């Protein structure tokens, strides 16, 4: 049986403040910093790896902040290959990037090694 892939979102401790202040109420809007990724492991195992608790799997880059929690409402499992998972990962990254409640820690849409063509233009 071939392995299945999952897309997940992790909230990090990176602090972001949206630069758009509410001009009338002088409010500063805080957003959740999120990292979007794919894995062929379980999402929980990948989360522990990002925290540096699993040997042999790389942790989250320091510039993205420390992982706090998995945002289960965005987890989607059962992709048949990494390219299908990467398509959804890019879609979800763009959706969260444009949501005022979230800030993606990745500045560019996630890419997959060895892949040259994408179905989007993010």
N, C-alpha and C. Protein backbone atom coordinates (compact mmCIF):
# COMPACT_ATOMS: atom_id res chain seq x y z
N UNK A 1 0.84 -1.19 0.00
CA UNK A 1 0.00 0.00 0.00
C UNK A 1 0.88 1.25 0.00
N UNK A 2 0.58 2.20 -0.86
CA UNK A 2 1.38 3.43 -0.89
C UNK A 2 0.98 4.35 0.26
N UNK A 3 1.92 5.19 0.62
CA UNK A 3 1.64 6.09 1.74
C UNK A 3 0.71 7.23 1.33
N UNK A 4 -0.07 7.66 2.27
CA UNK A 4 -0.98 8.79 2.04
C UNK A 4 -0.36 10.04 2.65
N UNK A 5 -0.70 11.17 2.09
CA UNK A 5 -0.15 12.45 2.53
C UNK A 5 -1.24 13.29 3.21
N UNK A 6 -0.80 14.16 4.09
CA UNK A 6 -1.70 15.07 4.81
C UNK A 6 -1.20 16.50 4.70
N UNK A 7 -2.14 17.43 4.75
CA UNK A 7 -1.82 18.86 4.82
C UNK A 7 -2.23 19.32 6.22
N UNK A 8 -1.38 20.12 6.84
CA UNK A 8 -1.65 20.56 8.22
C UNK A 8 -1.27 22.03 8.37
N UNK A 9 -1.80 22.64 9.42
CA UNK A 9 -1.47 24.02 9.77
C UNK A 9 -1.07 24.04 11.24
N UNK A 10 0.06 24.67 11.52
CA UNK A 10 0.57 24.80 12.88
C UNK A 10 0.60 26.28 13.24
N UNK A 11 0.09 26.60 14.41
CA UNK A 11 0.22 27.96 14.91
C UNK A 11 1.58 28.08 15.58
N UNK A 12 2.30 29.17 15.30
CA UNK A 12 3.60 29.40 15.91
C UNK A 12 3.55 30.59 16.86
N UNK A 13 4.63 30.76 17.61
CA UNK A 13 4.66 31.86 18.58
C UNK A 13 5.15 33.17 17.96
N UNK A 14 5.32 33.19 16.67
CA UNK A 14 5.76 34.41 15.99
C UNK A 14 4.68 35.46 16.15
N UNK A 15 5.05 36.63 16.64
CA UNK A 15 4.06 37.67 16.86
C UNK A 15 3.92 38.56 15.63
N UNK A 16 2.71 38.72 15.19
CA UNK A 16 2.44 39.59 14.06
C UNK A 16 1.37 40.59 14.45
N UNK A 17 1.57 41.79 14.02
CA UNK A 17 0.56 42.82 14.20
C UNK A 17 0.22 43.33 12.81
N UNK A 18 -1.03 43.27 12.45
CA UNK A 18 -1.43 43.79 11.15
C UNK A 18 -1.20 45.30 11.15
N UNK A 19 -0.64 45.79 10.07
CA UNK A 19 -0.32 47.21 10.00
C UNK A 19 -1.56 48.08 9.80
N UNK A 20 -2.66 47.47 9.40
CA UNK A 20 -3.89 48.23 9.20
C UNK A 20 -4.56 48.50 10.54
N UNK A 21 -4.38 49.67 11.05
CA UNK A 21 -5.02 50.06 12.30
C UNK A 21 -6.45 50.52 12.01
N UNK A 22 -7.32 50.20 12.91
CA UNK A 22 -8.68 50.72 12.79
C UNK A 22 -8.60 52.22 13.10
N UNK A 23 -8.75 53.03 12.09
CA UNK A 23 -8.55 54.47 12.23
C UNK A 23 -9.52 55.12 13.21
N UNK A 24 -10.69 54.54 13.35
CA UNK A 24 -11.71 55.18 14.18
C UNK A 24 -11.62 54.76 15.65
N UNK A 25 -11.17 53.52 15.89
CA UNK A 25 -11.13 53.03 17.27
C UNK A 25 -9.72 52.90 17.82
N UNK A 26 -8.71 53.22 17.01
CA UNK A 26 -7.31 53.08 17.41
C UNK A 26 -6.98 51.69 17.91
N UNK A 27 -7.51 50.67 17.25
CA UNK A 27 -7.24 49.28 17.63
C UNK A 27 -6.11 48.72 16.79
N UNK A 28 -5.29 47.90 17.42
CA UNK A 28 -4.28 47.16 16.69
C UNK A 28 -4.79 45.73 16.59
N UNK A 29 -4.73 45.15 15.39
CA UNK A 29 -5.27 43.82 15.16
C UNK A 29 -4.14 42.79 15.23
N UNK A 30 -4.23 41.86 16.19
CA UNK A 30 -3.27 40.78 16.30
C UNK A 30 -3.78 39.58 15.51
N UNK A 31 -2.86 38.88 14.87
CA UNK A 31 -3.25 37.73 14.07
C UNK A 31 -2.50 36.49 14.53
N UNK A 32 -3.04 35.32 14.19
CA UNK A 32 -2.36 34.06 14.49
C UNK A 32 -1.32 33.81 13.40
N UNK A 33 -0.09 33.57 13.83
CA UNK A 33 0.97 33.22 12.88
C UNK A 33 0.86 31.73 12.60
N UNK A 34 0.80 31.34 11.33
CA UNK A 34 0.60 29.93 10.97
C UNK A 34 1.62 29.45 9.95
N UNK A 35 1.95 28.18 10.06
CA UNK A 35 2.83 27.49 9.12
C UNK A 35 2.00 26.39 8.45
N UNK A 36 2.03 26.34 7.12
CA UNK A 36 1.27 25.33 6.37
C UNK A 36 2.27 24.33 5.81
N UNK A 37 1.99 23.02 6.01
CA UNK A 37 2.92 22.00 5.54
C UNK A 37 2.22 20.73 5.10
N UNK A 38 3.02 19.82 4.51
CA UNK A 38 2.52 18.50 4.13
C UNK A 38 3.43 17.44 4.75
N UNK A 39 2.87 16.25 4.94
CA UNK A 39 3.65 15.15 5.51
C UNK A 39 3.08 13.81 5.09
N UNK A 40 3.96 12.82 5.04
CA UNK A 40 3.50 11.44 4.84
C UNK A 40 3.48 10.71 6.18
N UNK A 41 3.93 11.36 7.23
CA UNK A 41 3.83 10.84 8.60
C UNK A 41 2.46 11.23 9.15
N UNK A 42 2.21 10.92 10.41
CA UNK A 42 0.99 11.45 11.02
C UNK A 42 1.23 12.94 11.31
N UNK A 43 0.17 13.70 11.34
CA UNK A 43 0.29 15.13 11.60
C UNK A 43 0.88 15.35 12.99
N UNK A 44 0.49 14.52 13.95
CA UNK A 44 1.00 14.65 15.31
C UNK A 44 2.50 14.38 15.35
N UNK A 45 2.96 13.35 14.61
CA UNK A 45 4.39 13.05 14.58
C UNK A 45 5.17 14.19 13.93
N UNK A 46 4.61 14.76 12.88
CA UNK A 46 5.28 15.89 12.21
C UNK A 46 5.33 17.11 13.12
N UNK A 47 4.27 17.33 13.90
CA UNK A 47 4.25 18.45 14.85
C UNK A 47 5.37 18.27 15.88
N UNK A 48 5.51 17.06 16.42
CA UNK A 48 6.59 16.79 17.38
C UNK A 48 7.96 16.99 16.73
N UNK A 49 8.09 16.62 15.47
CA UNK A 49 9.35 16.83 14.75
C UNK A 49 9.64 18.32 14.62
N UNK A 50 8.62 19.11 14.31
CA UNK A 50 8.81 20.56 14.21
C UNK A 50 9.25 21.14 15.55
N UNK A 51 8.81 20.54 16.63
CA UNK A 51 9.22 21.00 17.96
C UNK A 51 10.63 20.51 18.31
N UNK A 52 11.20 19.63 17.46
CA UNK A 52 12.53 19.11 17.71
C UNK A 52 12.55 17.88 18.59
N UNK A 53 11.41 17.20 18.73
CA UNK A 53 11.30 16.06 19.63
C UNK A 53 11.41 14.71 18.93
N UNK A 54 11.59 14.69 17.60
CA UNK A 54 11.72 13.44 16.87
C UNK A 54 13.05 13.47 16.11
N UNK A 55 13.92 12.52 16.42
CA UNK A 55 15.21 12.47 15.73
C UNK A 55 15.00 12.01 14.29
N UNK A 56 15.81 12.57 13.40
CA UNK A 56 15.75 12.17 12.00
C UNK A 56 14.78 12.98 11.16
N UNK A 57 13.92 13.76 11.79
CA UNK A 57 13.01 14.65 11.06
C UNK A 57 13.38 16.09 11.42
N UNK A 58 13.45 16.94 10.42
CA UNK A 58 13.91 18.30 10.69
C UNK A 58 12.84 19.12 11.41
N UNK A 59 13.32 20.00 12.24
CA UNK A 59 12.43 20.89 12.98
C UNK A 59 12.02 22.08 12.15
N UNK A 60 11.20 22.91 12.72
CA UNK A 60 10.73 24.12 12.05
C UNK A 60 11.85 25.15 12.07
N UNK A 61 12.03 25.87 10.97
CA UNK A 61 13.07 26.90 10.90
C UNK A 61 12.81 27.96 11.96
N UNK A 62 13.87 28.44 12.58
CA UNK A 62 13.73 29.43 13.67
C UNK A 62 13.00 30.69 13.22
N UNK A 63 13.18 31.08 11.96
CA UNK A 63 12.53 32.31 11.49
C UNK A 63 11.01 32.19 11.48
N UNK A 64 10.47 30.96 11.53
CA UNK A 64 9.03 30.75 11.55
C UNK A 64 8.45 30.76 12.96
N UNK A 65 9.30 30.75 13.97
CA UNK A 65 8.84 30.72 15.35
C UNK A 65 8.74 29.31 15.87
N UNK A 66 8.38 29.19 17.15
CA UNK A 66 8.23 27.88 17.78
C UNK A 66 6.79 27.39 17.63
N UNK A 67 6.62 26.11 17.28
CA UNK A 67 5.27 25.55 17.14
C UNK A 67 4.50 25.59 18.47
N UNK A 68 3.26 26.01 18.41
CA UNK A 68 2.41 26.05 19.61
C UNK A 68 1.39 24.91 19.57
N UNK A 69 0.64 24.85 18.47
CA UNK A 69 -0.43 23.85 18.39
C UNK A 69 -0.78 23.56 16.93
N UNK A 70 -1.40 22.40 16.73
CA UNK A 70 -1.95 22.04 15.42
C UNK A 70 -3.35 22.64 15.33
N UNK A 71 -3.64 23.31 14.23
CA UNK A 71 -4.99 23.83 14.02
C UNK A 71 -5.78 22.78 13.24
N UNK A 72 -6.46 21.91 13.98
CA UNK A 72 -7.14 20.75 13.40
C UNK A 72 -8.19 21.11 12.36
N UNK A 73 -8.77 22.29 12.47
CA UNK A 73 -9.83 22.65 11.52
C UNK A 73 -9.31 22.77 10.09
N UNK A 74 -7.99 22.86 9.93
CA UNK A 74 -7.41 22.96 8.58
C UNK A 74 -6.75 21.66 8.11
N UNK A 75 -6.62 20.68 8.99
CA UNK A 75 -5.97 19.42 8.62
C UNK A 75 -6.82 18.64 7.63
N UNK A 76 -6.17 18.18 6.57
CA UNK A 76 -6.86 17.35 5.58
C UNK A 76 -5.95 16.17 5.24
N UNK A 77 -6.49 14.96 5.35
CA UNK A 77 -5.71 13.74 5.15
C UNK A 77 -6.18 12.99 3.92
N UNK A 78 -5.33 12.05 3.47
CA UNK A 78 -5.75 11.13 2.42
C UNK A 78 -5.33 11.46 1.00
N UNK A 79 -4.36 12.37 0.83
CA UNK A 79 -3.87 12.66 -0.52
C UNK A 79 -3.02 11.49 -1.01
N UNK A 80 -3.19 11.12 -2.27
CA UNK A 80 -2.52 9.93 -2.81
C UNK A 80 -1.05 10.15 -3.13
N UNK A 81 -0.65 11.40 -3.35
CA UNK A 81 0.76 11.68 -3.61
C UNK A 81 1.11 13.09 -3.13
N UNK A 82 2.40 13.37 -3.10
CA UNK A 82 2.85 14.65 -2.55
C UNK A 82 2.48 15.84 -3.43
N UNK A 83 2.26 15.60 -4.73
CA UNK A 83 1.90 16.70 -5.61
C UNK A 83 0.45 17.14 -5.39
N UNK A 84 -0.45 16.18 -5.18
CA UNK A 84 -1.84 16.53 -4.82
C UNK A 84 -1.85 17.28 -3.49
N UNK A 85 -1.08 16.78 -2.52
CA UNK A 85 -1.01 17.44 -1.22
C UNK A 85 -0.44 18.84 -1.36
N UNK A 86 0.58 18.99 -2.20
CA UNK A 86 1.20 20.30 -2.41
C UNK A 86 0.22 21.28 -3.08
N UNK A 87 -0.62 20.80 -4.00
CA UNK A 87 -1.64 21.67 -4.61
C UNK A 87 -2.58 22.22 -3.54
N UNK A 88 -3.04 21.34 -2.64
CA UNK A 88 -3.95 21.80 -1.59
C UNK A 88 -3.20 22.67 -0.58
N UNK A 89 -1.96 22.33 -0.28
CA UNK A 89 -1.14 23.13 0.63
C UNK A 89 -1.02 24.56 0.12
N UNK A 90 -0.77 24.71 -1.16
CA UNK A 90 -0.66 26.05 -1.77
C UNK A 90 -2.00 26.79 -1.74
N UNK A 91 -3.09 26.07 -2.01
CA UNK A 91 -4.42 26.67 -1.94
C UNK A 91 -4.71 27.17 -0.51
N UNK A 92 -4.43 26.31 0.47
CA UNK A 92 -4.69 26.67 1.87
C UNK A 92 -3.79 27.82 2.31
N UNK A 93 -2.52 27.79 1.90
CA UNK A 93 -1.60 28.88 2.23
C UNK A 93 -2.16 30.21 1.71
N UNK A 94 -2.63 30.22 0.46
CA UNK A 94 -3.16 31.45 -0.12
C UNK A 94 -4.43 31.90 0.59
N UNK A 95 -5.28 30.94 0.95
CA UNK A 95 -6.51 31.26 1.68
C UNK A 95 -6.20 31.92 3.03
N UNK A 96 -5.24 31.35 3.76
CA UNK A 96 -4.88 31.89 5.07
C UNK A 96 -4.12 33.21 4.94
N UNK A 97 -3.32 33.32 3.91
CA UNK A 97 -2.57 34.55 3.67
C UNK A 97 -3.51 35.73 3.47
N UNK A 98 -4.66 35.46 2.87
CA UNK A 98 -5.63 36.53 2.59
C UNK A 98 -6.72 36.65 3.65
N UNK A 99 -6.62 35.88 4.71
CA UNK A 99 -7.59 35.94 5.81
C UNK A 99 -7.05 36.92 6.87
N UNK A 100 -7.82 37.92 7.26
CA UNK A 100 -7.32 38.91 8.22
C UNK A 100 -7.02 38.34 9.61
N UNK A 101 -7.51 37.13 9.91
CA UNK A 101 -7.26 36.53 11.23
C UNK A 101 -5.93 35.79 11.31
N UNK A 102 -5.27 35.57 10.15
CA UNK A 102 -4.05 34.77 10.11
C UNK A 102 -2.95 35.48 9.33
N UNK A 103 -1.72 35.16 9.68
CA UNK A 103 -0.55 35.59 8.92
C UNK A 103 0.30 34.36 8.68
N UNK A 104 0.59 34.07 7.42
CA UNK A 104 1.44 32.92 7.11
C UNK A 104 2.89 33.29 7.34
N UNK A 105 3.64 32.40 8.01
CA UNK A 105 5.06 32.68 8.26
C UNK A 105 5.89 32.46 7.00
N UNK A 106 5.39 31.63 6.07
CA UNK A 106 6.07 31.48 4.79
C UNK A 106 5.67 32.67 3.91
N UNK A 107 6.64 33.37 3.39
CA UNK A 107 6.35 34.55 2.57
C UNK A 107 5.91 34.17 1.16
N UNK A 108 6.38 33.01 0.67
CA UNK A 108 6.01 32.54 -0.66
C UNK A 108 5.24 31.24 -0.54
N UNK A 109 4.46 30.93 -1.55
CA UNK A 109 3.69 29.68 -1.56
C UNK A 109 4.65 28.49 -1.48
N UNK A 110 4.30 27.47 -0.70
CA UNK A 110 5.16 26.30 -0.55
C UNK A 110 5.39 25.59 -1.89
N UNK A 111 6.63 25.20 -2.12
CA UNK A 111 6.98 24.47 -3.34
C UNK A 111 7.35 23.04 -2.98
N UNK A 112 7.36 22.19 -3.97
CA UNK A 112 7.72 20.78 -3.78
C UNK A 112 8.96 20.51 -4.61
N UNK A 113 9.97 19.90 -3.99
CA UNK A 113 11.22 19.67 -4.72
C UNK A 113 10.98 18.79 -5.95
N UNK A 114 11.64 19.17 -7.01
CA UNK A 114 11.51 18.43 -8.26
C UNK A 114 10.31 18.83 -9.11
N UNK A 115 9.50 19.71 -8.59
CA UNK A 115 8.29 20.11 -9.31
C UNK A 115 8.52 21.44 -10.02
N UNK A 116 8.16 21.49 -11.30
CA UNK A 116 8.37 22.70 -12.07
C UNK A 116 7.06 23.40 -12.48
N UNK A 117 5.96 22.66 -12.57
CA UNK A 117 4.70 23.23 -12.99
C UNK A 117 3.66 23.15 -11.87
N UNK A 118 2.90 24.24 -11.74
CA UNK A 118 1.85 24.32 -10.73
C UNK A 118 0.54 24.70 -11.41
N UNK A 119 -0.57 24.36 -10.75
CA UNK A 119 -1.87 24.70 -11.33
C UNK A 119 -2.34 26.09 -10.92
N UNK A 120 -1.52 26.78 -10.12
CA UNK A 120 -1.88 28.13 -9.65
C UNK A 120 -0.74 29.09 -9.97
N UNK A 121 -0.95 30.35 -9.60
CA UNK A 121 0.07 31.38 -9.85
C UNK A 121 0.42 32.13 -8.57
N UNK A 122 0.44 31.44 -7.43
CA UNK A 122 0.73 32.10 -6.15
C UNK A 122 2.21 32.40 -6.05
